[in-house]
C-alpha atoms as a PDB file:
ATOM      1  CA  MET A   1     -79.744-139.737 -39.002  1.00  0.00           C
ATOM      2  CA  LYS A   2     -82.971-137.848 -37.375  1.00  0.00           C
ATOM      3  CA  ARG A   3     -85.141-136.270 -38.733  1.00  0.00           C
ATOM      4  CA  TYR A   4     -87.198-133.136 -36.967  1.00  0.00           C
ATOM      5  CA  VAL A   5     -90.682-131.674 -37.630  1.00  0.00           C
ATOM      6  CA  CYS A   6     -91.685-128.130 -36.501  1.00  0.00           C
ATOM      7  CA  LEU A   7     -95.337-128.292 -34.910  1.00  0.00           C
ATOM      8  CA  LEU A   8     -95.814-124.891 -36.036  1.00  0.00           C
ATOM      9  CA  CYS A   9     -95.428-125.003 -39.056  1.00  0.00           C
ATOM     10  CA  GLY A  10     -94.643-129.043 -40.434  1.00  0.00           C
ATOM     11  CA  LEU A  11     -91.130-127.487 -41.898  1.00  0.00           C
ATOM     12  CA  VAL A  12     -88.797-131.187 -41.963  1.00  0.00           C
ATOM     13  CA  TYR A  13     -84.982-131.281 -40.260  1.00  0.00           C
ATOM     14  CA  ASP A  14     -83.008-133.676 -41.816  1.00  0.00           C
ATOM     15  CA  GLU A  15     -79.372-134.551 -39.740  1.00  0.00           C
ATOM     16  CA  ALA A  16     -78.238-135.780 -43.198  1.00  0.00           C
ATOM     17  CA  LYS A  17     -78.736-132.756 -45.488  1.00  0.00           C
ATOM     18  CA  GLY A  18     -78.430-129.892 -42.132  1.00  0.00           C
ATOM     19  CA  TRP A  19     -80.079-126.774 -43.738  1.00  0.00           C
ATOM     20  CA  PRO A  20     -77.349-125.254 -45.932  1.00  0.00           C
ATOM     21  CA  ASP A  21     -79.376-121.717 -46.288  1.00  0.00           C
ATOM     22  CA  ASP A  22     -78.505-121.236 -42.329  1.00  0.00           C
ATOM     23  CA  GLY A  23     -74.788-122.725 -42.361  1.00  0.00           C
ATOM     24  CA  ILE A  24     -75.903-125.476 -41.101  1.00  0.00           C
ATOM     25  CA  GLU A  25     -73.162-128.529 -43.284  1.00  0.00           C
ATOM     26  CA  PRO A  26     -75.475-131.954 -43.820  1.00  0.00           C
ATOM     27  CA  GLY A  27     -74.740-134.521 -41.516  1.00  0.00           C
ATOM     28  CA  THR A  28     -75.738-131.755 -38.582  1.00  0.00           C
ATOM     29  CA  LYS A  29     -76.977-133.456 -35.875  1.00  0.00           C
ATOM     30  CA  TRP A  30     -80.112-131.913 -34.182  1.00  0.00           C
ATOM     31  CA  GLU A  31     -77.945-131.262 -30.797  1.00  0.00           C
ATOM     32  CA  ASP A  32     -75.410-129.813 -32.288  1.00  0.00           C
ATOM     33  CA  VAL A  33     -77.865-127.560 -34.010  1.00  0.00           C
ATOM     34  CA  SER A  34     -77.468-123.985 -32.206  1.00  0.00           C
ATOM     35  CA  GLU A  35     -80.205-123.185 -29.393  1.00  0.00           C
ATOM     36  CA  ASP A  36     -81.083-119.774 -30.792  1.00  0.00           C
ATOM     37  CA  TRP A  37     -81.805-120.829 -34.633  1.00  0.00           C
ATOM     38  CA  VAL A  38     -84.946-120.332 -35.769  1.00  0.00           C
ATOM     39  CA  CYS A  39     -87.606-122.208 -38.187  1.00  0.00           C
ATOM     40  CA  PRO A  40     -86.946-120.312 -41.276  1.00  0.00           C
ATOM     41  CA  GLU A  41     -90.764-120.712 -42.643  1.00  0.00           C
ATOM     42  CA  CYS A  42     -92.707-119.482 -38.986  1.00  0.00           C
ATOM     43  CA  ASN A  43     -89.325-118.515 -36.843  1.00  0.00           C
ATOM     44  CA  ALA A  44     -90.402-121.368 -34.645  1.00  0.00           C
ATOM     45  CA  GLY A  45     -87.560-122.116 -31.640  1.00  0.00           C
ATOM     46  CA  LYS A  46     -86.028-125.553 -31.523  1.00  0.00           C
ATOM     47  CA  GLU A  47     -88.707-126.697 -28.497  1.00  0.00           C
ATOM     48  CA  ASP A  48     -90.603-126.337 -31.268  1.00  0.00           C
ATOM     49  CA  PHE A  49     -89.432-129.166 -33.193  1.00  0.00           C
ATOM     50  CA  GLU A  50     -90.311-132.887 -32.627  1.00  0.00           C
ATOM     51  CA  MET A  51     -88.107-136.233 -33.850  1.00  0.00           C
ATOM     52  CA  VAL A  52     -90.070-138.362 -36.070  1.00  0.00           C
ATOM     53  CA  GLU A  53     -90.064-141.513 -38.205  1.00  0.00           C
ATOM     54  CA  ILE A  54     -90.571-141.059 -41.786  1.00  0.00           C
END
């Protein structure tokens, strides 16, 4: 499982936790998140996220 950070606001998407508020179940890999999903904090697109080691 990896983590991805929004380069605009710093929100972290953790594959292990998913994003249940948007219907993304825990364990959902980043590549399986819908291409039209946007950051719930700043509305940035997936292209504005980068994989990081935390």
